[in-house]
Amino acid sequence: MQDNIIQIMPAPGWVAVFDEGGEEAAQAVVCFALVESAMKREVRAMVAEGAQIGFADALPNFVRVEELDAFEEDDEDEEQDEEEEEDEE
């Protein structure tokens, strides 16, 4: 069944998170799309793929969508934990 985009909304400050070999990497979300498929509506994040835009959740290794600030805070927390572990050794 084909997905029909009903509406798109800008998504400043949001990222799609992907698992790249055990590390999480973020890619900027271009927009959110209100999508209708099989009489069901949902909001899906879209990211740039070269010169095209596609659904983030359709790409390999997709994990989640979250605000950039939250992703950066999680990254900072992990770095602090690693530094503390090194200090303990």
C-alpha atoms as a PDB file:
ATOM      1  CA  MET A   1       0.000   0.000   0.000  1.00  0.00           C
ATOM      2  CA  GLN A   2       1.274   3.455  -0.889  1.00  0.00           C
ATOM      3  CA  ASP A   3       1.884   6.174   1.692  1.00  0.00           C
ATOM      4  CA  ASN A   4       0.188   9.480   0.906  1.00  0.00           C
ATOM      5  CA  ILE A   5       1.677  12.596   2.446  1.00  0.00           C
ATOM      6  CA  ILE A   6      -1.170  14.812   3.630  1.00  0.00           C
ATOM      7  CA  GLN A   7       0.902  17.638   5.119  1.00  0.00           C
ATOM      8  CA  ILE A   8       4.507  18.485   5.966  1.00  0.00           C
ATOM      9  CA  MET A   9       5.783  20.607   8.835  1.00  0.00           C
ATOM     10  CA  PRO A  10       9.303  21.977   9.373  1.00  0.00           C
ATOM     11  CA  ALA A  11      11.368  20.218  12.029  1.00  0.00           C
ATOM     12  CA  PRO A  12      14.042  22.592  13.313  1.00  0.00           C
ATOM     13  CA  GLY A  13      15.967  21.180  16.248  1.00  0.00           C
ATOM     14  CA  TRP A  14      15.029  17.505  15.652  1.00  0.00           C
ATOM     15  CA  VAL A  15      17.305  14.621  14.627  1.00  0.00           C
ATOM     16  CA  ALA A  16      16.913  11.034  13.511  1.00  0.00           C
ATOM     17  CA  VAL A  17      19.216   8.731  15.459  1.00  0.00           C
ATOM     18  CA  PHE A  18      20.911   5.774  13.747  1.00  0.00           C
ATOM     19  CA  ASP A  19      23.009   2.913  15.129  1.00  0.00           C
ATOM     20  CA  GLU A  20      26.353   2.879  13.359  1.00  0.00           C
ATOM     21  CA  GLY A  21      28.360  -0.042  14.650  1.00  0.00           C
ATOM     22  CA  GLY A  22      27.283   0.340  18.267  1.00  0.00           C
ATOM     23  CA  GLU A  23      27.650   4.136  18.229  1.00  0.00           C
ATOM     24  CA  GLU A  24      24.692   6.450  17.821  1.00  0.00           C
ATOM     25  CA  ALA A  25      24.830   9.080  15.086  1.00  0.00           C
ATOM     26  CA  ALA A  26      22.326  11.847  14.445  1.00  0.00           C
ATOM     27  CA  GLN A  27      21.067  13.215  11.157  1.00  0.00           C
ATOM     28  CA  ALA A  28      18.988  16.391  10.946  1.00  0.00           C
ATOM     29  CA  VAL A  29      15.276  15.880  10.339  1.00  0.00           C
ATOM     30  CA  VAL A  30      14.200  18.019   7.377  1.00  0.00           C
ATOM     31  CA  CYS A  31      10.479  17.865   8.133  1.00  0.00           C
ATOM     32  CA  PHE A  32       7.720  15.838   9.724  1.00  0.00           C
ATOM     33  CA  ALA A  33       5.109  14.412   7.372  1.00  0.00           C
ATOM     34  CA  LEU A  34       1.515  13.577   8.210  1.00  0.00           C
ATOM     35  CA  VAL A  35       1.120  10.330   6.282  1.00  0.00           C
ATOM     36  CA  GLU A  36      -2.000   8.337   5.475  1.00  0.00           C
ATOM     37  CA  SER A  37      -1.658   4.649   4.708  1.00  0.00           C
ATOM     38  CA  ALA A  38      -4.343   1.937   4.833  1.00  0.00           C
ATOM     39  CA  MET A  39      -6.844   4.308   6.446  1.00  0.00           C
ATOM     40  CA  LYS A  40      -4.357   5.113   9.240  1.00  0.00           C
ATOM     41  CA  ARG A  41      -2.603   8.433   9.830  1.00  0.00           C
ATOM     42  CA  GLU A  42       0.758   8.910  11.488  1.00  0.00           C
ATOM     43  CA  VAL A  43       3.533  11.488  11.702  1.00  0.00           C
ATOM     44  CA  ARG A  44       6.875  10.365  10.271  1.00  0.00           C
ATOM     45  CA  ALA A  45      10.240  12.121  10.209  1.00  0.00           C
ATOM     46  CA  MET A  46      11.951  12.767   6.885  1.00  0.00           C
ATOM     47  CA  VAL A  47      15.701  13.181   6.286  1.00  0.00           C
ATOM     48  CA  ALA A  48      17.794  14.147   3.280  1.00  0.00           C
ATOM     49  CA  GLU A  49      19.293  11.264   1.290  1.00  0.00           C
ATOM     50  CA  GLY A  50      21.647  12.930  -1.142  1.00  0.00           C
ATOM     51  CA  ALA A  51      19.452  15.054  -3.404  1.00  0.00           C
ATOM     52  CA  GLN A  52      16.212  13.409  -2.227  1.00  0.00           C
ATOM     53  CA  ILE A  53      14.192  13.341   0.969  1.00  0.00           C
ATOM     54  CA  GLY A  54      12.965  10.059   2.456  1.00  0.00           C
ATOM     55  CA  PHE A  55      11.394   8.629   5.581  1.00  0.00           C
ATOM     56  CA  ALA A  56      13.953   8.201   8.372  1.00  0.00           C
ATOM     57  CA  ASP A  57      12.288   5.049   9.695  1.00  0.00           C
ATOM     58  CA  ALA A  58      12.691   3.365   6.299  1.00  0.00           C
ATOM     59  CA  LEU A  59      16.484   3.640   6.414  1.00  0.00           C
ATOM     60  CA  PRO A  60      18.707   0.890   7.804  1.00  0.00           C
ATOM     61  CA  ASN A  61      19.780   1.153  11.438  1.00  0.00           C
ATOM     62  CA  PHE A  62      17.098   3.724  12.343  1.00  0.00           C
ATOM     63  CA  VAL A  63      16.618   3.901  16.124  1.00  0.00           C
ATOM     64  CA  ARG A  64      14.457   6.908  17.037  1.00  0.00           C
ATOM     65  CA  VAL A  65      13.703  10.601  16.569  1.00  0.00           C
ATOM     66  CA  GLU A  66      14.476  13.092  19.306  1.00  0.00           C
ATOM     67  CA  GLU A  67      15.263  16.730  19.938  1.00  0.00           C
ATOM     68  CA  LEU A  68      18.853  17.695  19.136  1.00  0.00           C
ATOM     69  CA  ASP A  69      19.386  19.140  22.630  1.00  0.00           C
ATOM     70  CA  ALA A  70      18.421  15.826  24.249  1.00  0.00           C
ATOM     71  CA  PHE A  71      20.701  13.875  21.905  1.00  0.00           C
ATOM     72  CA  GLU A  72      23.632  16.163  22.682  1.00  0.00           C
ATOM     73  CA  GLU A  73      22.982  15.870  26.444  1.00  0.00           C
ATOM     74  CA  ASP A  74      23.002  12.062  26.183  1.00  0.00           C
ATOM     75  CA  ASP A  75      26.286  12.245  24.260  1.00  0.00           C
ATOM     76  CA  GLU A  76      27.835  14.518  26.908  1.00  0.00           C
ATOM     77  CA  ASP A  77      26.687  12.170  29.698  1.00  0.00           C
ATOM     78  CA  GLU A  78      28.326   9.200  27.949  1.00  0.00           C
ATOM     79  CA  GLU A  79      31.600  11.127  27.571  1.00  0.00           C
ATOM     80  CA  GLN A  80      31.575  12.012  31.291  1.00  0.00           C
ATOM     81  CA  ASP A  81      30.931   8.377  32.222  1.00  0.00           C
ATOM     82  CA  GLU A  82      33.868   7.259  30.062  1.00  0.00           C
ATOM     83  CA  GLU A  83      36.152   9.866  31.657  1.00  0.00           C
ATOM     84  CA  GLU A  84      35.125   8.756  35.152  1.00  0.00           C
ATOM     85  CA  GLU A  85      35.827   5.109  34.265  1.00  0.00           C
ATOM     86  CA  GLU A  86      39.295   6.063  32.977  1.00  0.00           C
ATOM     87  CA  ASP A  87      39.990   8.022  36.176  1.00  0.00           C
ATOM     88  CA  GLU A  88      39.062   4.984  38.290  1.00  0.00           C
ATOM     89  CA  GLU A  89      41.602   2.790  36.475  1.00  0.00           C
END
